[in-house]
Structure formats: C-alpha cells, structure tokens
Amino acid sequence: MSSGDARIYLEIEVRRVQCRGCGKVKRERLEFLADNPFYTKRFSHYVGRRCRQGTIKDIAQELNLDWDTVKTLDKQYMKAQLAKAGTPGPKAIGIDEISIRKGHTYRIVVSDLIRMRPIWFGGEDRSEASMAQFYDSLGEKKSARIRLAVMDMWKPFRKATAARAPQAAILFDKFHIMRHLGEALDRVRKSEYARLSGKNRSYIKGQKYTLLSHRENLSLEGKQSLKALLAANKRLNTAYLLKESFGQLWDYEREGWARRFFENWRASLKWQRLEPFEKFAEMIDRHWDGIAAYCKPENKVSLGFVEGLNNKIRVIQRRAYGLRDEEYLRLKILTCMLPAL
C-alpha cells in the first residue's frame, strides 16, 4: 500500500484449510489482495491508473518498485478492465492494420464504432486468414449481427468480411481515400518541381506539408506561403482546388446526387493534364459501392474514430519506444478507450 510518501506494510495471517471433497490443502482467498499477493487490489489499480499516463520505468521509479512488478500489476489492471467491459457484440465495426515493428510486420485492430472502443487485436499479418480470426473469435451468431464494416480498400479485409458477415454493408474509410488523393496531389507537386527551374521552382521547394494540410490548420506564415505557391503555379492551384472540393462527396444523403457530384468532379479533370488525379478517379470508380454506402442514413457513423485510434496507438508505441511484449501491447490497445477502474 502507499500513503503519500510513506509505504505501509500489512502483516496478515492467511488460513490454510483441508478440502473435505478432494482432501487437498488450500489457502484462504482474500478479496482485497491482487493476483500478486504481495500487493493489495487497490494499490494494483493505482499502479494501473498511473501507467495510463506514464511509462513503466517512470512509475517504477516513482513508487520504488521493480520494473517487472509494475508491468505485472499493470497487466492485471487491464485484464480487470476488460472483464468489466464484457464480451463485445458489435453492430458497426472499423477495421485497420497497424505496424508493430520494422519489416512490414502488421497486426489487425477491430473497433466497435458505436461504443467507440477497440475490441480485437490479432492476426499474424493483414491477410484474409488473419482477418478471419476475428470472426472466429466473435462467433457465427455475433458475426451475423454486424450491419456495417468500415475499412480501407485492402482486398483481403473485404473478402473475409463478405465471407463471414455477408449481411454487413462495406464502407471505405474517408480518411484513407483522402490520403490517396493527398498522395496524388504530392505527385503533381513533384512533377512540377522537376519540370520548372529558377524562381518558379523556388515557390514549390519545401512546401509539401503546406500544400497537403488543411488551410485552417496552417499558421499565418503557412497561409501566406500557400497563397504565393498557388498564385505562381496554375497546375498546382487547379490540383489543390480539386482536392479540397472532393471532400464534399461525403455530405450527400442520396447516392444519385453523390454520383452526379463525382462525375462532374471527374469531368473537370479533362484537359488538365493531372494524370495522378485521373488514376485516383479510376480507383474511386472501381470501389464506388463502398463509398456510396455512406449515403444511406443507417450507415452514418463517425469515420474519424479509427484514425483517432491509430494516433493513440502510435502515442502508446512511441512512449514505450516500441513494445516487444505483444500481449502487453494488445492489452494497452484494447483498454485505451475504457474508463479507469
């Protein structure tokens, strides 16, 4: 136990009894003790709450505990959080992959988009077989209740969902689509930088993130640089306006109007010599069903949660300089949106 800067030790006699049924001698179980019997449950919960904001090393130094002890108590705390949260039965899920180490080592994260929390972390990679492991863990009955699956345009995720939850509408994540459009804009920027020289080229140099950022997120200096860049280069100005206008696609509530907007947007590419944008438009056309699904009222869910969760996971990984214990990382991810005990 801890009380301010003082450490309190309790000396307790624990009774040992012989079971009449099996004849074995068993020790009395005390409810106020943690799974590690050298610490109370309240103290282990305190350690777990502190580990939500700090590193294991910092908490161990603060409480004068061993590093492995803090990690063990934190694991016990997170398992108690998951036990209290109960087993998931989601109706709308978000699917994404995260990199856990260098060398294209991926794991899949599935979130409940209605309860706003991650519910599964696993797989060996981002293959269809790994995605199927989630549906196996969920069970056939609960998989049949899923009505919406939000994901990027990765084919193995689509195939596994179509096979295991065929009743679910598949919706492609807006942020992944806009990222593809941002990459198309950046390719235009690079081609213009290679084509030009002298003063015209100097406007483009070092302006990648100025061009890709939302205008409202730029500083005054960034807005001035963007204005000068767009005034100096007509092709980049056209590409930038096309990129900014495309986000309106998710504002439509009828598929017909959304399709008309896309066709008009696509027609505006004619004679603009923006090949990366033309390839992007072809990609959207191929995956139209997964984009148009958002027009239906029953599919209106928060599309920013999965991206926000990814940022939170990156903070967890960065704080620990990478986590080698995959089970510990799994617990951290699954409890990062749960309330403290």
Protein backbone atom coordinates (compact mmCIF):
# COMPACT_ATOMS: atom_id res chain seq x y z
CA MET A 1 0.00 0.00 0.00
CA SER A 2 1.06 3.62 -0.46
CA SER A 3 0.01 6.67 1.54
CA GLY A 4 1.61 9.86 0.30
CA ASP A 5 5.36 9.44 0.57
CA ALA A 6 5.04 6.61 3.13
CA ARG A 7 4.89 2.90 2.37
CA ILE A 8 2.60 0.80 4.52
CA TYR A 9 3.08 -2.92 5.02
CA LEU A 10 0.32 -5.22 6.28
CA GLU A 11 1.11 -8.47 8.03
CA ILE A 12 -1.80 -10.86 7.67
CA GLU A 13 -2.29 -14.42 8.80
CA VAL A 14 -3.70 -16.50 5.98
CA ARG A 15 -5.52 -19.65 6.97
CA ARG A 16 -4.89 -22.98 5.28
CA VAL A 17 -7.77 -25.44 5.17
CA GLN A 18 -8.15 -29.01 4.06
CA CYS A 19 -10.87 -29.58 1.49
CA ARG A 20 -13.29 -32.31 2.53
CA GLY A 21 -14.14 -33.09 -1.08
CA CYS A 22 -10.70 -33.64 -2.61
CA GLY A 23 -8.56 -33.86 0.51
CA LYS A 24 -6.12 -31.16 -0.71
CA VAL A 25 -4.88 -28.32 1.47
CA LYS A 26 -5.87 -24.92 0.10
CA ARG A 27 -5.10 -21.35 1.11
CA GLU A 28 -7.79 -18.85 2.06
CA ARG A 29 -8.53 -16.32 -0.69
CA LEU A 30 -8.63 -12.68 0.42
CA GLU A 31 -10.68 -10.43 -1.87
CA PHE A 32 -8.68 -7.28 -1.15
CA LEU A 33 -5.42 -8.82 -2.43
CA ALA A 34 -4.33 -8.54 -6.07
CA ASP A 35 -3.37 -11.57 -8.15
CA ASN A 36 0.13 -10.79 -6.92
CA PRO A 37 -0.48 -11.48 -3.18
CA PHE A 38 2.25 -9.05 -2.07
CA TYR A 39 0.07 -6.08 -3.07
CA THR A 40 -3.50 -5.03 -2.36
CA LYS A 41 -6.00 -4.80 -5.19
CA ARG A 42 -6.45 -1.07 -4.56
CA PHE A 43 -2.71 -0.49 -4.89
CA SER A 44 -2.52 -2.55 -8.10
CA HIS A 45 -5.36 -0.44 -9.54
CA TYR A 46 -3.48 2.71 -8.55
CA VAL A 47 -0.40 1.44 -10.41
CA GLY A 48 -2.56 0.60 -13.44
CA ARG A 49 -4.12 4.08 -13.49
CA ARG A 50 -0.67 5.69 -13.27
CA CYS A 51 0.56 3.53 -16.18
CA ARG A 52 -2.16 5.01 -18.41
CA GLN A 53 -0.27 8.32 -18.35
CA GLY A 54 3.36 7.29 -17.86
CA THR A 55 5.94 4.68 -18.77
CA ILE A 56 6.66 1.58 -16.71
CA LYS A 57 10.14 2.93 -15.92
CA ASP A 58 8.80 6.25 -14.60
CA ILE A 59 6.12 4.59 -12.43
CA ALA A 60 8.65 2.07 -11.07
CA GLN A 61 10.99 4.91 -10.04
CA GLU A 62 8.13 6.93 -8.55
CA LEU A 63 6.78 4.06 -6.42
CA ASN A 64 10.17 2.43 -5.75
CA LEU A 65 9.08 -0.84 -7.34
CA ASP A 66 10.77 -3.30 -9.67
CA TRP A 67 10.12 -2.74 -13.42
CA ASP A 68 8.68 -6.26 -13.87
CA THR A 69 6.40 -5.80 -10.84
CA VAL A 70 4.88 -2.63 -12.29
CA LYS A 71 4.34 -4.32 -15.64
CA THR A 72 2.68 -7.34 -13.98
CA LEU A 73 0.37 -5.12 -11.90
CA ASP A 74 -0.50 -3.06 -14.99
CA LYS A 75 -1.40 -6.24 -16.90
CA GLN A 76 -3.64 -7.38 -14.05
CA TYR A 77 -5.34 -3.98 -14.01
CA MET A 78 -6.01 -4.03 -17.76
CA LYS A 79 -7.40 -7.58 -17.61
CA ALA A 80 -9.79 -6.40 -14.87
CA GLN A 81 -10.87 -3.53 -17.15
CA LEU A 82 -11.63 -5.94 -20.00
CA ALA A 83 -13.51 -8.30 -17.67
CA LYS A 84 -15.70 -5.40 -16.50
CA ALA A 85 -16.32 -4.22 -20.09
CA GLY A 86 -17.67 -7.66 -21.05
CA THR A 87 -17.58 -9.53 -24.35
CA PRO A 88 -18.30 -7.44 -27.45
CA GLY A 89 -21.32 -7.84 -29.72
CA PRO A 90 -20.77 -5.04 -32.25
CA LYS A 91 -23.19 -3.86 -34.94
CA ALA A 92 -20.76 -1.48 -36.67
CA ILE A 93 -17.04 -2.24 -36.82
CA GLY A 94 -13.95 -0.40 -38.01
CA ILE A 95 -11.04 -2.46 -39.40
CA ASP A 96 -7.49 -1.25 -39.78
CA GLU A 97 -3.94 -2.54 -39.53
CA ILE A 98 -1.01 -1.20 -37.51
CA SER A 99 2.71 -1.80 -37.87
CA ILE A 100 4.21 -3.21 -34.68
CA ARG A 101 7.83 -3.25 -35.82
CA LYS A 102 10.03 -2.64 -38.85
CA GLY A 103 9.91 -5.06 -41.76
CA HIS A 104 6.19 -4.85 -42.66
CA THR A 105 5.04 -6.67 -39.52
CA TYR A 106 1.34 -5.91 -39.16
CA ARG A 107 -1.49 -6.70 -36.78
CA ILE A 108 -5.20 -6.04 -37.29
CA VAL A 109 -7.23 -3.82 -34.96
CA VAL A 110 -11.04 -4.04 -34.98
CA SER A 111 -13.14 -1.39 -33.23
CA ASP A 112 -16.77 -1.08 -32.16
CA LEU A 113 -17.81 2.19 -33.83
CA ILE A 114 -20.96 2.58 -31.72
CA ARG A 115 -19.34 2.05 -28.31
CA MET A 116 -16.18 3.81 -29.54
CA ARG A 117 -13.60 1.30 -28.37
CA PRO A 118 -11.25 -1.31 -29.86
CA ILE A 119 -12.49 -4.85 -29.33
CA TRP A 120 -9.91 -7.10 -31.05
CA PHE A 121 -6.20 -7.10 -31.77
CA GLY A 122 -4.52 -10.01 -33.51
CA GLY A 123 -3.61 -11.91 -36.63
CA GLU A 124 -0.14 -12.66 -37.99
CA ASP A 125 -0.30 -10.12 -40.82
CA ARG A 126 -3.03 -8.31 -42.79
CA SER A 127 -4.12 -11.32 -44.84
CA GLU A 128 -7.60 -12.74 -45.30
CA ALA A 129 -6.76 -15.62 -42.95
CA SER A 130 -5.73 -13.20 -40.19
CA MET A 131 -8.93 -11.20 -40.67
CA ALA A 132 -10.95 -14.42 -40.44
CA GLN A 133 -9.50 -14.97 -36.95
CA PHE A 134 -11.55 -12.01 -35.71
CA TYR A 135 -14.81 -13.51 -36.98
CA ASP A 136 -13.83 -16.88 -35.49
CA SER A 137 -13.28 -15.25 -32.08
CA LEU A 138 -16.57 -13.34 -32.37
CA GLY A 139 -18.58 -16.41 -33.29
CA GLU A 140 -21.11 -17.04 -36.04
CA LYS A 141 -24.07 -15.67 -34.06
CA LYS A 142 -22.47 -12.30 -33.24
CA SER A 143 -20.91 -12.01 -36.71
CA ALA A 144 -24.42 -12.24 -38.17
CA ARG A 145 -25.43 -9.12 -36.18
CA ILE A 146 -22.82 -6.86 -37.82
CA ARG A 147 -24.60 -4.45 -40.17
CA LEU A 148 -21.66 -2.19 -41.15
CA ALA A 149 -17.90 -2.69 -41.63
CA VAL A 150 -15.69 0.37 -42.20
CA MET A 151 -12.26 -0.35 -43.68
CA ASP A 152 -9.69 0.80 -46.18
CA MET A 153 -9.70 -0.62 -49.72
CA TRP A 154 -7.45 -3.57 -48.82
CA LYS A 155 -8.91 -6.58 -50.68
CA PRO A 156 -8.27 -9.31 -48.03
CA PHE A 157 -10.37 -7.36 -45.48
CA ARG A 158 -13.25 -7.10 -47.95
CA LYS A 159 -13.11 -10.78 -48.90
CA ALA A 160 -13.02 -12.00 -45.28
CA THR A 161 -15.93 -9.73 -44.31
CA ALA A 162 -18.01 -10.75 -47.35
CA ALA A 163 -17.44 -14.43 -46.49
CA ARG A 164 -18.01 -14.28 -42.71
CA ALA A 165 -20.52 -11.41 -42.42
CA PRO A 166 -22.23 -11.22 -45.84
CA GLN A 167 -25.15 -9.16 -44.46
CA ALA A 168 -22.82 -6.30 -43.47
CA ALA A 169 -22.53 -3.22 -45.69
CA ILE A 170 -18.89 -2.45 -46.53
CA LEU A 171 -17.92 1.20 -46.27
CA PHE A 172 -14.49 2.52 -47.27
CA ASP A 173 -12.91 4.87 -44.77
CA LYS A 174 -12.99 8.52 -45.87
CA PHE A 175 -9.58 9.28 -44.33
CA HIS A 176 -7.84 6.52 -46.28
CA ILE A 177 -9.45 7.73 -49.51
CA MET A 178 -8.43 11.34 -48.85
CA ARG A 179 -4.91 10.10 -48.11
CA HIS A 180 -4.77 8.60 -51.61
CA LEU A 181 -5.91 11.95 -53.00
CA GLY A 182 -3.23 13.72 -50.97
CA GLU A 183 -0.63 11.39 -52.44
CA ALA A 184 -1.92 12.22 -55.95
CA LEU A 185 -1.53 15.94 -55.17
CA ASP A 186 2.00 15.33 -53.93
CA ARG A 187 2.90 13.53 -57.17
CA VAL A 188 1.67 16.57 -59.09
CA ARG A 189 3.86 18.77 -56.87
CA LYS A 190 6.91 16.60 -57.59
CA SER A 191 6.30 16.63 -61.33
CA GLU A 192 6.00 20.43 -61.30
CA TYR A 193 9.18 20.74 -59.26
CA ALA A 194 11.03 18.57 -61.81
CA ARG A 195 9.57 20.50 -64.76
CA LEU A 196 10.33 24.03 -63.57
CA SER A 197 13.55 25.87 -62.79
CA GLY A 198 14.71 29.11 -61.29
CA LYS A 199 12.31 31.35 -59.37
CA ASN A 200 9.20 29.34 -60.30
CA ARG A 201 10.79 26.26 -58.77
CA SER A 202 11.66 28.06 -55.52
CA TYR A 203 7.95 28.54 -54.72
CA ILE A 204 7.45 24.75 -54.61
CA LYS A 205 10.57 23.78 -52.66
CA GLY A 206 9.84 22.74 -49.07
CA GLN A 207 6.07 23.27 -49.37
CA LYS A 208 4.88 19.66 -49.29
CA TYR A 209 3.06 19.82 -45.95
CA THR A 210 1.82 23.37 -46.61
CA LEU A 211 0.08 22.02 -49.70
CA LEU A 212 -1.28 18.84 -48.06
CA SER A 213 -2.52 20.43 -44.81
CA HIS A 214 -6.00 21.84 -44.33
CA ARG A 215 -5.96 25.60 -44.79
CA GLU A 216 -7.47 26.22 -41.32
CA ASN A 217 -4.63 24.25 -39.69
CA LEU A 218 -1.91 26.43 -41.22
CA SER A 219 -0.16 29.24 -39.39
CA LEU A 220 -0.26 32.78 -40.80
CA GLU A 221 3.12 32.19 -42.44
CA GLY A 222 1.87 28.88 -43.89
CA LYS A 223 -1.23 30.53 -45.35
CA GLN A 224 0.92 33.22 -46.96
CA SER A 225 3.25 30.57 -48.44
CA LEU A 226 0.26 28.62 -49.77
CA LYS A 227 -1.22 31.73 -51.36
CA ALA A 228 2.08 32.57 -53.07
CA LEU A 229 2.52 28.97 -54.28
CA LEU A 230 -0.97 28.70 -55.78
CA ALA A 231 -0.66 32.11 -57.44
CA ALA A 232 2.67 31.12 -59.00
CA ASN A 233 1.66 27.70 -60.38
CA LYS A 234 -1.63 27.24 -62.21
CA ARG A 235 -1.49 23.43 -62.35
CA LEU A 236 -0.89 23.10 -58.60
CA ASN A 237 -3.67 25.62 -57.97
CA THR A 238 -6.10 23.51 -60.01
CA ALA A 239 -4.99 20.28 -58.29
CA TYR A 240 -5.32 21.89 -54.85
CA LEU A 241 -8.88 23.15 -55.54
CA LEU A 242 -9.90 19.73 -56.85
CA LYS A 243 -8.51 18.06 -53.76
CA GLU A 244 -10.29 20.47 -51.38
CA SER A 245 -13.64 20.12 -53.18
CA PHE A 246 -13.63 16.30 -53.24
CA GLY A 247 -14.44 16.08 -49.51
CA GLN A 248 -17.99 17.26 -50.30
CA LEU A 249 -18.72 13.74 -51.58
CA TRP A 250 -19.50 12.55 -48.03
CA ASP A 251 -22.06 15.31 -47.44
CA TYR A 252 -24.67 13.83 -49.79
CA GLU A 253 -27.55 11.76 -48.42
CA ARG A 254 -28.61 10.24 -51.75
CA GLU A 255 -26.39 8.02 -53.86
CA GLY A 256 -27.65 9.57 -57.11
CA TRP A 257 -26.57 13.06 -56.07
CA ALA A 258 -23.21 11.75 -54.81
CA ARG A 259 -22.63 10.02 -58.15
CA ARG A 260 -23.54 13.16 -60.07
CA PHE A 261 -21.06 15.16 -57.98
CA PHE A 262 -18.31 12.59 -58.65
CA GLU A 263 -18.99 12.55 -62.40
CA ASN A 264 -18.83 16.36 -62.52
CA TRP A 265 -15.62 16.31 -60.47
CA ARG A 266 -14.16 13.69 -62.81
CA ALA A 267 -15.22 15.67 -65.90
CA SER A 268 -13.37 18.72 -64.56
CA LEU A 269 -10.11 16.77 -64.91
CA LYS A 270 -10.40 16.89 -68.69
CA TRP A 271 -7.59 18.84 -70.38
CA GLN A 272 -5.91 19.48 -67.01
CA ARG A 273 -3.04 17.03 -67.57
CA LEU A 274 -3.29 15.74 -64.00
CA GLU A 275 -2.51 12.05 -64.51
CA PRO A 276 -2.30 11.15 -60.78
CA PHE A 277 -5.81 12.60 -60.30
CA GLU A 278 -7.12 10.62 -63.26
CA LYS A 279 -5.75 7.40 -61.73
CA PHE A 280 -7.37 8.36 -58.42
CA ALA A 281 -10.72 8.87 -60.16
CA GLU A 282 -10.42 5.42 -61.75
CA MET A 283 -9.76 3.91 -58.32
CA ILE A 284 -12.86 5.62 -56.89
CA ASP A 285 -14.95 4.34 -59.80
CA ARG A 286 -13.77 0.75 -59.15
CA HIS A 287 -14.64 1.00 -55.44
CA TRP A 288 -17.78 3.09 -55.77
CA ASP A 289 -20.11 0.73 -53.88
CA GLY A 290 -18.01 1.01 -50.72
CA ILE A 291 -18.08 4.81 -50.92
CA ALA A 292 -21.74 5.27 -51.86
CA ALA A 293 -22.78 3.14 -48.87
CA TYR A 294 -22.22 6.18 -46.64
CA CYS A 295 -25.19 7.94 -48.28
CA LYS A 296 -27.62 5.59 -46.53
CA PRO A 297 -28.88 7.00 -43.19
CA GLU A 298 -28.26 3.72 -41.33
CA ASN A 299 -24.57 3.87 -42.28
CA LYS A 300 -23.92 7.32 -40.80
CA VAL A 301 -21.22 6.56 -38.23
CA SER A 302 -18.20 8.53 -37.06
CA LEU A 303 -15.48 7.89 -39.64
CA GLY A 304 -12.83 9.71 -37.61
CA PHE A 305 -12.70 7.23 -34.72
CA VAL A 306 -10.47 4.65 -36.44
CA GLU A 307 -7.98 7.33 -37.48
CA GLY A 308 -8.03 8.82 -33.97
CA LEU A 309 -7.41 5.37 -32.50
CA ASN A 310 -4.41 4.91 -34.81
CA ASN A 311 -2.93 8.14 -33.49
CA LYS A 312 -3.49 6.97 -29.91
CA ILE A 313 -1.77 3.64 -30.65
CA ARG A 314 1.22 5.46 -32.14
CA VAL A 315 1.48 7.51 -28.94
CA ILE A 316 1.44 4.28 -26.87
CA GLN A 317 4.20 2.77 -29.03
CA ARG A 318 6.28 5.94 -29.05
CA ARG A 319 6.00 6.38 -25.26
CA ALA A 320 7.45 2.90 -24.74
CA TYR A 321 9.96 3.21 -27.64
CA GLY A 322 8.20 0.19 -29.17
CA LEU A 323 6.68 -2.71 -27.24
CA ARG A 324 8.32 -6.11 -27.64
CA ASP A 325 5.73 -7.87 -25.49
CA GLU A 326 2.86 -8.27 -27.93
CA GLU A 327 0.38 -9.37 -25.25
CA TYR A 328 1.12 -6.18 -23.31
CA LEU A 329 0.58 -4.11 -26.47
CA ARG A 330 -2.70 -5.94 -27.08
CA LEU A 331 -3.95 -5.09 -23.59
CA LYS A 332 -2.83 -1.46 -23.94
CA ILE A 333 -4.74 -1.07 -27.20
CA LEU A 334 -7.93 -2.83 -26.04
CA THR A 335 -8.14 -0.75 -22.84
CA CYS A 336 -7.03 2.66 -24.14
CA MET A 337 -10.65 3.82 -24.56
CA LEU A 338 -12.09 2.13 -21.46
CA PRO A 339 -12.85 4.11 -18.26
CA ALA A 340 -10.44 3.78 -15.36
CA LEU A 341 -11.31 1.41 -12.52
